[in-house]
């Protein structure tokens, strides 16, 4: 069983409540809250500092022109997160475990290695992003911000020992902070809503640099580690006793996935819109998070700049914790052993410290990490399609032809 689905007293109470809902003994809108959590945790991967970096560059350099890329990437993310959750619910196994059990050994270890590289690239973006937010907000050195981020993230991860509810509440609270921050930004920034609406649905690709940035946006939005993690979060959350209960669990999961990723998509669009409204007309060269912060203050006021940093800080801390959870699950699933949280945390932090100590442009490193992710992304996507379309694995829950075509096209 995955470390992220520990069975203590609180978890057992949640399982009992879920089974009451499935048996029809508990009804009403609150009944669905019992199953809420996995998609909320997975959604933080779609609002991490890598998204900040790519979306700020997209909005500043190209205005609203690349909004459609954000929308398309988010729709793809909804589909694959829903498939991942379904895999965990139906099989009781997570995606990494399924790869280990059903694929040739010669394929498993390269897949594991590539997935670990993707997890480290993810953590680089998340860890450095959170540290930048802390550094600018509290006027402390970047390395000190990284140290604080490390301590806070480790503190959040310790709540795993109390079951999945506490950490879901913490991550959900930080997701709410990010959402509220960008809602505030939309009231402050002078948005051209007509143009934003047009470019959200009409594709355009201004130049080759925009294509590279679009690849980064996709890598920042559709995250390999989130696809692995979602199956682990649902695999033993509320065990189904028959096909009818599995069907109900899949329905609840799909609703939560659509709702959580719709919020994440709106936040990503808000990032591009804010950057476009604030920077594109006179500051299209803004490409760094630090520069964006310092430019926001004189353009839109200190409140806008502070809100921006608070959202970045919440994003970095929460997504770093979730990234470590995903890394644990990937390692345990592929190779069958686990390591202590602090060791996993240390391993994924070292590249971030090395990047900062070497004096590398942190925002450029964030964007490049997202490009790396876009190349690693086909691994979990292809594996997920292969498993969820097989009737010998999924039974009646195997993908329909329409879902198969949509997933392959995505």
Protein backbone atom coordinates (compact mmCIF):
# COMPACT_ATOMS: atom_id res chain seq x y z
CA UNK A 1 0.00 0.00 0.00
CA UNK A 2 1.24 3.48 -0.77
CA UNK A 3 2.57 5.72 1.99
CA UNK A 4 0.08 8.35 0.97
CA UNK A 5 -2.88 6.18 1.97
CA UNK A 6 -2.10 5.39 5.57
CA UNK A 7 -4.81 3.69 7.62
CA UNK A 8 -5.06 5.22 11.07
CA UNK A 9 -8.13 6.14 13.10
CA UNK A 10 -9.10 9.21 11.10
CA UNK A 11 -8.65 7.34 7.83
CA UNK A 12 -10.83 4.47 9.05
CA UNK A 13 -13.57 6.93 9.99
CA UNK A 14 -13.39 8.45 6.53
CA UNK A 15 -13.57 5.01 4.92
CA UNK A 16 -16.62 4.15 7.05
CA UNK A 17 -18.30 7.43 6.06
CA UNK A 18 -17.55 6.72 2.40
CA UNK A 19 -19.05 3.27 2.59
CA UNK A 20 -22.17 4.77 4.22
CA UNK A 21 -22.52 7.08 1.21
CA UNK A 22 -22.02 4.23 -1.25
CA UNK A 23 -24.62 2.14 0.58
CA UNK A 24 -27.14 4.99 0.44
CA UNK A 25 -27.21 5.55 4.20
CA UNK A 26 -25.79 9.05 3.84
CA UNK A 27 -27.11 11.52 1.27
CA UNK A 28 -27.06 15.18 0.34
CA UNK A 29 -24.39 17.49 -1.03
CA UNK A 30 -22.15 16.88 1.98
CA UNK A 31 -21.93 13.21 1.10
CA UNK A 32 -19.68 14.06 -1.85
CA UNK A 33 -17.22 15.82 0.46
CA UNK A 34 -16.21 12.42 1.84
CA UNK A 35 -14.55 11.65 -1.49
CA UNK A 36 -13.04 15.10 -1.99
CA UNK A 37 -9.28 15.36 -1.66
CA UNK A 38 -7.25 13.40 -4.23
CA UNK A 39 -7.92 15.77 -7.14
CA UNK A 40 -7.35 18.79 -4.90
CA UNK A 41 -3.89 17.48 -4.00
CA UNK A 42 -3.13 16.61 -7.63
CA UNK A 43 -4.32 20.04 -8.78
CA UNK A 44 -1.52 21.85 -6.95
CA UNK A 45 0.85 20.41 -9.55
CA UNK A 46 -1.00 22.60 -12.07
CA UNK A 47 -0.40 25.78 -10.08
CA UNK A 48 3.25 25.34 -9.16
CA UNK A 49 6.04 27.94 -9.63
CA UNK A 50 6.86 26.44 -13.03
CA UNK A 51 3.45 27.66 -14.14
CA UNK A 52 4.25 31.11 -12.75
CA UNK A 53 7.47 31.27 -14.76
CA UNK A 54 6.04 30.08 -18.09
CA UNK A 55 2.78 32.03 -17.76
CA UNK A 56 4.51 35.30 -16.85
CA UNK A 57 6.80 34.98 -19.87
CA UNK A 58 3.86 34.08 -22.12
CA UNK A 59 1.74 37.03 -21.00
CA UNK A 60 4.56 39.57 -21.02
CA UNK A 61 6.00 38.59 -24.41
CA UNK A 62 2.87 37.60 -26.34
CA UNK A 63 -0.03 39.19 -24.51
CA UNK A 64 -3.13 37.01 -24.59
CA UNK A 65 -1.99 35.07 -27.71
CA UNK A 66 -1.01 31.86 -25.88
CA UNK A 67 -4.05 31.62 -23.64
CA UNK A 68 -5.44 28.86 -25.86
CA UNK A 69 -2.38 26.73 -25.04
CA UNK A 70 -3.25 26.97 -21.32
CA UNK A 71 -6.87 25.98 -22.04
CA UNK A 72 -5.86 23.02 -24.24
CA UNK A 73 -3.27 21.79 -21.75
CA UNK A 74 -5.81 21.96 -18.93
CA UNK A 75 -8.39 19.93 -20.88
CA UNK A 76 -5.74 17.27 -21.55
CA UNK A 77 -4.86 17.30 -17.84
CA UNK A 78 -8.49 16.73 -16.84
CA UNK A 79 -8.71 13.64 -19.04
CA UNK A 80 -5.49 12.04 -17.85
CA UNK A 81 -6.03 12.82 -14.17
CA UNK A 82 -9.49 11.26 -14.42
CA UNK A 83 -8.00 8.14 -16.05
CA UNK A 84 -5.32 7.93 -13.36
CA UNK A 85 -7.89 8.18 -10.57
CA UNK A 86 -10.03 5.52 -12.29
CA UNK A 87 -7.06 3.16 -12.51
CA UNK A 88 -6.47 3.42 -8.76
CA UNK A 89 -10.16 2.96 -7.90
CA UNK A 90 -10.75 -0.04 -10.17
CA UNK A 91 -7.50 -1.98 -9.70
CA UNK A 92 -6.47 -0.96 -6.18
CA UNK A 93 -2.99 -0.36 -7.62
CA UNK A 94 -1.22 2.85 -8.59
CA UNK A 95 0.26 3.52 -12.03
CA UNK A 96 3.87 2.84 -11.00
CA UNK A 97 2.88 -0.50 -9.45
CA UNK A 98 0.96 -1.42 -12.60
CA UNK A 99 4.06 -0.66 -14.70
CA UNK A 100 6.18 -2.91 -12.45
CA UNK A 101 3.62 -5.74 -12.54
CA UNK A 102 2.65 -5.71 -16.23
CA UNK A 103 5.62 -4.41 -18.22
CA UNK A 104 8.94 -6.13 -19.09
CA UNK A 105 11.78 -5.50 -16.63
CA UNK A 106 13.89 -4.00 -19.43
CA UNK A 107 11.26 -1.28 -19.77
CA UNK A 108 10.48 -0.74 -16.08
CA UNK A 109 13.88 0.50 -14.94
CA UNK A 110 14.36 3.08 -17.73
CA UNK A 111 10.81 4.28 -17.05
CA UNK A 112 11.62 4.60 -13.36
CA UNK A 113 14.84 6.51 -14.11
CA UNK A 114 13.05 8.92 -16.45
CA UNK A 115 10.23 9.39 -13.93
CA UNK A 116 12.76 10.16 -11.18
CA UNK A 117 14.43 12.77 -13.40
CA UNK A 118 11.01 14.30 -14.02
CA UNK A 119 10.30 14.31 -10.29
CA UNK A 120 13.59 16.10 -9.61
CA UNK A 121 12.89 18.65 -12.36
CA UNK A 122 9.48 19.20 -10.82
CA UNK A 123 10.90 19.72 -7.37
CA UNK A 124 13.48 22.16 -8.71
CA UNK A 125 10.71 24.41 -9.96
CA UNK A 126 8.58 24.06 -6.86
CA UNK A 127 11.34 24.45 -4.31
CA UNK A 128 13.06 27.40 -5.98
CA UNK A 129 9.73 29.11 -6.63
CA UNK A 130 8.68 28.94 -3.00
CA UNK A 131 12.09 30.21 -1.93
CA UNK A 132 11.88 33.19 -4.33
CA UNK A 133 8.50 34.13 -2.87
CA UNK A 134 9.78 33.99 0.71
CA UNK A 135 12.98 35.81 -0.21
CA UNK A 136 11.22 38.75 -1.85
CA UNK A 137 8.31 38.95 0.60
CA UNK A 138 10.44 38.97 3.74
CA UNK A 139 13.59 40.49 2.20
CA UNK A 140 15.86 37.60 3.09
CA UNK A 141 18.62 35.94 1.00
CA UNK A 142 17.44 33.36 -1.50
CA UNK A 143 19.36 30.55 0.20
CA UNK A 144 17.68 31.45 3.50
CA UNK A 145 14.32 31.32 1.71
CA UNK A 146 15.21 27.85 0.44
CA UNK A 147 16.06 26.71 3.97
CA UNK A 148 12.73 28.00 5.31
CA UNK A 149 10.88 26.33 2.42
CA UNK A 150 12.63 23.04 3.21
CA UNK A 151 11.64 23.17 6.89
CA UNK A 152 8.02 24.15 6.22
CA UNK A 153 7.62 21.50 3.51
CA UNK A 154 9.03 18.81 5.77
CA UNK A 155 6.62 19.91 8.51
CA UNK A 156 3.66 19.51 6.13
CA UNK A 157 4.84 16.06 5.08
CA UNK A 158 4.90 14.90 8.71
CA UNK A 159 1.10 15.15 8.69
CA UNK A 160 1.06 12.08 6.41
CA UNK A 161 1.44 10.06 9.59
CA UNK A 162 -2.02 11.20 10.70
CA UNK A 163 -3.86 9.94 7.64
CA UNK A 164 -4.79 11.57 4.38
CA UNK A 165 -7.38 14.07 5.69
CA UNK A 166 -5.01 16.48 7.51
CA UNK A 167 -2.65 16.87 4.57
CA UNK A 168 -5.59 17.24 2.17
CA UNK A 169 -6.94 20.08 4.32
CA UNK A 170 -3.53 21.79 4.42
CA UNK A 171 -2.99 21.51 0.65
CA UNK A 172 -6.60 22.54 0.01
CA UNK A 173 -6.11 25.63 2.16
CA UNK A 174 -2.97 26.62 0.22
CA UNK A 175 -4.80 26.05 -3.08
CA UNK A 176 -7.50 28.42 -1.81
CA UNK A 177 -4.86 31.03 -0.99
CA UNK A 178 -3.50 30.88 -4.54
CA UNK A 179 -6.98 31.13 -6.03
CA UNK A 180 -7.99 34.09 -3.88
CA UNK A 181 -4.72 35.89 -4.65
CA UNK A 182 -5.32 35.68 -8.39
CA UNK A 183 -8.95 36.65 -8.01
CA UNK A 184 -7.70 39.83 -6.32
CA UNK A 185 -5.16 40.38 -9.13
CA UNK A 186 -7.97 40.26 -11.70
CA UNK A 187 -9.69 43.18 -9.96
CA UNK A 188 -6.44 45.18 -9.86
CA UNK A 189 -5.05 44.56 -13.37
CA UNK A 190 -6.56 46.45 -16.38
CA UNK A 191 -7.71 43.37 -18.30
CA UNK A 192 -8.94 43.48 -21.91
CA UNK A 193 -11.55 40.79 -21.42
CA UNK A 194 -12.62 40.69 -25.06
CA UNK A 195 -9.11 39.88 -26.25
CA UNK A 196 -8.64 37.38 -23.45
CA UNK A 197 -11.82 35.55 -24.41
CA UNK A 198 -10.89 35.53 -28.10
CA UNK A 199 -7.39 34.13 -27.59
CA UNK A 200 -8.62 31.53 -25.10
CA UNK A 201 -10.39 29.71 -27.94
CA UNK A 202 -8.61 30.82 -31.13
CA UNK A 203 -5.16 29.23 -31.65
CA UNK A 204 -2.18 31.35 -32.72
CA UNK A 205 1.60 30.85 -32.70
CA UNK A 206 3.44 34.16 -33.19
CA UNK A 207 6.97 32.77 -33.68
CA UNK A 208 9.41 29.95 -32.91
CA UNK A 209 10.13 31.28 -29.41
CA UNK A 210 6.40 31.11 -28.69
CA UNK A 211 6.46 27.45 -29.72
CA UNK A 212 9.24 26.71 -27.20
CA UNK A 213 7.31 28.57 -24.52
CA UNK A 214 4.16 26.65 -25.42
CA UNK A 215 6.02 23.38 -24.87
CA UNK A 216 7.04 24.74 -21.47
CA UNK A 217 3.42 25.65 -20.67
CA UNK A 218 2.30 22.12 -21.52
CA UNK A 219 5.12 20.65 -19.41
CA UNK A 220 4.15 22.92 -16.53
CA UNK A 221 0.45 22.11 -16.82
CA UNK A 222 0.26 18.37 -17.59
CA UNK A 223 2.60 17.00 -14.92
CA UNK A 224 4.06 13.45 -15.00
CA UNK A 225 4.27 13.16 -11.22
CA UNK A 226 0.63 14.24 -10.81
CA UNK A 227 -0.51 11.49 -13.18
CA UNK A 228 1.38 8.92 -11.09
CA UNK A 229 0.20 10.41 -7.78
CA UNK A 230 -3.53 10.58 -8.48
CA UNK A 231 -3.80 6.80 -8.89
CA UNK A 232 -2.02 6.36 -5.55
CA UNK A 233 -4.35 8.75 -3.78
CA UNK A 234 -7.46 6.84 -4.92
CA UNK A 235 -6.21 3.25 -4.84
CA UNK A 236 -7.27 2.48 -1.25
CA UNK A 237 -9.07 5.59 -0.10
CA UNK A 238 -12.54 4.02 0.10
CA UNK A 239 -12.35 0.35 -0.98
CA UNK A 240 -15.25 -0.63 -3.24
CA UNK A 241 -17.03 -3.89 -2.44
CA UNK A 242 -18.67 -4.43 -5.84
CA UNK A 243 -18.94 -3.02 -9.35
CA UNK A 244 -21.78 -0.69 -8.45
CA UNK A 245 -19.72 0.96 -5.72
CA UNK A 246 -16.74 1.28 -8.07
CA UNK A 247 -19.01 2.99 -10.59
CA UNK A 248 -20.14 5.45 -7.93
CA UNK A 249 -16.55 6.12 -6.83
CA UNK A 250 -15.50 6.80 -10.43
CA UNK A 251 -18.40 9.27 -10.82
CA UNK A 252 -17.46 11.12 -7.63
CA UNK A 253 -13.82 11.14 -8.73
CA UNK A 254 -14.62 12.52 -12.18
CA UNK A 255 -16.68 15.36 -10.70
CA UNK A 256 -13.93 16.28 -8.27
CA UNK A 257 -11.26 16.12 -10.99
CA UNK A 258 -13.22 18.42 -13.30
CA UNK A 259 -13.93 20.90 -10.49
CA UNK A 260 -10.38 20.94 -9.07
CA UNK A 261 -8.65 21.24 -12.44
CA UNK A 262 -11.15 23.84 -13.64
CA UNK A 263 -10.01 26.00 -10.71
CA UNK A 264 -6.37 25.26 -11.56
CA UNK A 265 -7.02 26.17 -15.21
CA UNK A 266 -8.64 29.47 -14.25
CA UNK A 267 -5.66 30.29 -12.03
CA UNK A 268 -3.27 29.57 -14.91
CA UNK A 269 -5.30 31.73 -17.25
CA UNK A 270 -5.31 34.46 -14.62
CA UNK A 271 -1.49 34.30 -14.48
CA UNK A 272 -1.23 34.88 -18.24
CA UNK A 273 -3.93 37.57 -18.18
CA UNK A 274 -2.30 39.43 -15.30
CA UNK A 275 1.12 39.34 -16.98
CA UNK A 276 -0.39 40.48 -20.27
CA UNK A 277 -2.37 43.32 -18.71
CA UNK A 278 0.53 44.52 -16.57
CA UNK A 279 3.60 43.96 -18.73
CA UNK A 280 2.87 43.36 -22.43
CA UNK A 281 2.26 46.97 -23.50
CA UNK A 282 5.39 48.56 -22.03
CA UNK A 283 7.41 45.82 -20.35
CA UNK A 284 7.27 42.87 -22.75
CA UNK A 285 10.84 41.94 -21.82
CA UNK A 286 9.81 40.88 -18.30
CA UNK A 287 10.85 37.24 -18.07
CA UNK A 288 11.94 36.72 -14.47
CA UNK A 289 9.74 36.28 -11.42
CA UNK A 290 11.86 38.77 -9.47
CA UNK A 291 11.55 41.35 -12.26
CA UNK A 292 7.80 40.78 -12.43
CA UNK A 293 7.51 41.51 -8.72
CA UNK A 294 9.60 44.69 -8.87
CA UNK A 295 7.72 45.86 -11.98
CA UNK A 296 4.28 45.14 -10.52
CA UNK A 297 4.76 47.46 -7.56
CA UNK A 298 5.06 50.74 -9.53
CA UNK A 299 2.55 49.63 -12.20
CA UNK A 300 -0.30 48.22 -10.10
CA UNK A 301 0.73 49.11 -6.54
CA UNK A 302 2.40 47.41 -3.62
CA UNK A 303 -0.73 45.38 -2.80
CA UNK A 304 -0.66 43.67 -6.21
CA UNK A 305 3.02 42.84 -5.81
CA UNK A 306 2.51 41.46 -2.28
CA UNK A 307 -0.46 39.34 -3.36
CA UNK A 308 1.64 37.96 -6.21
CA UNK A 309 4.38 36.90 -3.78
CA UNK A 310 1.95 35.35 -1.31
CA UNK A 311 0.47 33.21 -4.09
CA UNK A 312 3.97 32.21 -5.27
CA UNK A 313 5.01 31.27 -1.73
CA UNK A 314 1.85 29.18 -1.16
CA UNK A 315 2.37 27.53 -4.53
CA UNK A 316 6.00 26.63 -3.90
CA UNK A 317 5.48 25.21 -0.42
CA UNK A 318 2.38 23.15 -1.23
CA UNK A 319 3.61 21.84 -4.58
CA UNK A 320 6.98 20.93 -3.08
CA UNK A 321 5.24 18.79 -0.46
CA UNK A 322 3.07 17.13 -3.11
CA UNK A 323 6.11 16.56 -5.32
CA UNK A 324 7.84 14.68 -2.51
CA UNK A 325 4.71 12.56 -1.98
CA UNK A 326 4.72 11.71 -5.68
CA UNK A 327 8.42 10.87 -5.61
CA UNK A 328 7.85 8.43 -2.74
CA UNK A 329 5.03 6.75 -4.62
CA UNK A 330 7.02 6.50 -7.86
CA UNK A 331 10.03 4.91 -6.17
CA UNK A 332 7.94 2.52 -4.11
CA UNK A 333 5.79 1.55 -7.08
CA UNK A 334 8.56 0.95 -9.60
CA UNK A 335 11.23 -0.73 -7.46
CA UNK A 336 9.27 -1.88 -4.42
CA UNK A 337 11.10 -0.10 -1.61
CA UNK A 338 10.59 3.10 0.30
CA UNK A 339 12.98 5.57 1.88
CA UNK A 340 12.41 7.96 4.80
CA UNK A 341 10.72 11.25 3.96
CA UNK A 342 13.74 13.29 5.04
CA UNK A 343 16.03 11.35 2.69
CA UNK A 344 13.64 11.81 -0.22
CA UNK A 345 13.33 15.50 0.65
CA UNK A 346 17.13 15.87 0.77
CA UNK A 347 17.69 14.15 -2.58
CA UNK A 348 15.17 16.32 -4.40
CA UNK A 349 16.42 19.53 -2.74
CA UNK A 350 20.08 19.14 -3.69
CA UNK A 351 19.68 20.09 -7.40
CA UNK A 352 17.80 23.25 -6.39
CA UNK A 353 20.53 24.32 -3.97
CA UNK A 354 23.15 23.55 -6.64
CA UNK A 355 21.34 25.73 -9.21
CA UNK A 356 21.10 28.69 -6.84
CA UNK A 357 24.66 28.30 -5.54
CA UNK A 358 25.95 28.26 -9.13
CA UNK A 359 24.27 31.61 -9.79
CA UNK A 360 21.98 30.29 -12.55
CA UNK A 361 19.05 32.52 -13.55
CA UNK A 362 16.34 30.94 -11.42
CA UNK A 363 13.41 31.82 -13.68
CA UNK A 364 15.23 30.42 -16.73
CA UNK A 365 15.92 27.26 -14.72
CA UNK A 366 12.21 27.05 -13.88
CA UNK A 367 11.19 27.32 -17.54
CA UNK A 368 13.80 24.77 -18.67
CA UNK A 369 12.65 22.35 -15.97
CA UNK A 370 9.16 22.52 -17.48
CA UNK A 371 10.55 21.77 -20.94
CA UNK A 372 12.28 18.69 -19.46
CA UNK A 373 8.93 17.64 -18.00
CA UNK A 374 7.24 17.90 -21.37
CA UNK A 375 9.70 15.33 -22.75
CA UNK A 376 9.17 12.97 -19.79
CA UNK A 377 5.39 13.35 -19.98
CA UNK A 378 4.69 10.66 -22.64
CA UNK A 379 5.89 7.91 -20.27
CA UNK A 380 2.99 7.98 -17.77
CA UNK A 381 0.51 9.08 -20.44
CA UNK A 382 1.23 6.12 -22.74
CA UNK A 383 1.31 3.65 -19.84
CA UNK A 384 -1.99 5.00 -18.50
CA UNK A 385 -3.71 4.66 -21.88
CA UNK A 386 -2.41 1.10 -22.31
CA UNK A 387 -3.66 -0.03 -18.90
CA UNK A 388 -7.03 1.74 -18.83
CA UNK A 389 -8.03 0.43 -22.26
CA UNK A 390 -7.40 -3.22 -21.34
CA UNK A 391 -10.53 -5.16 -20.39
CA UNK A 392 -8.50 -7.88 -18.64
CA UNK A 393 -7.36 -5.17 -16.19
CA UNK A 394 -10.27 -2.73 -16.07
CA UNK A 395 -13.22 -4.99 -16.92
CA UNK A 396 -16.36 -2.92 -17.57
CA UNK A 397 -14.40 0.23 -16.71
CA UNK A 398 -12.08 -0.06 -19.73
CA UNK A 399 -11.94 3.09 -21.83
CA UNK A 400 -14.58 3.60 -24.47
CA UNK A 401 -13.43 4.15 -28.06
CA UNK A 402 -14.14 7.88 -27.72
CA UNK A 403 -11.99 8.17 -24.60
CA UNK A 404 -9.21 6.18 -26.27
CA UNK A 405 -9.22 8.48 -29.29
CA UNK A 406 -9.26 11.59 -27.09
CA UNK A 407 -6.41 10.30 -24.91
CA UNK A 408 -4.26 9.30 -27.90
CA UNK A 409 -4.94 12.63 -29.60
CA UNK A 410 -4.01 14.44 -26.37
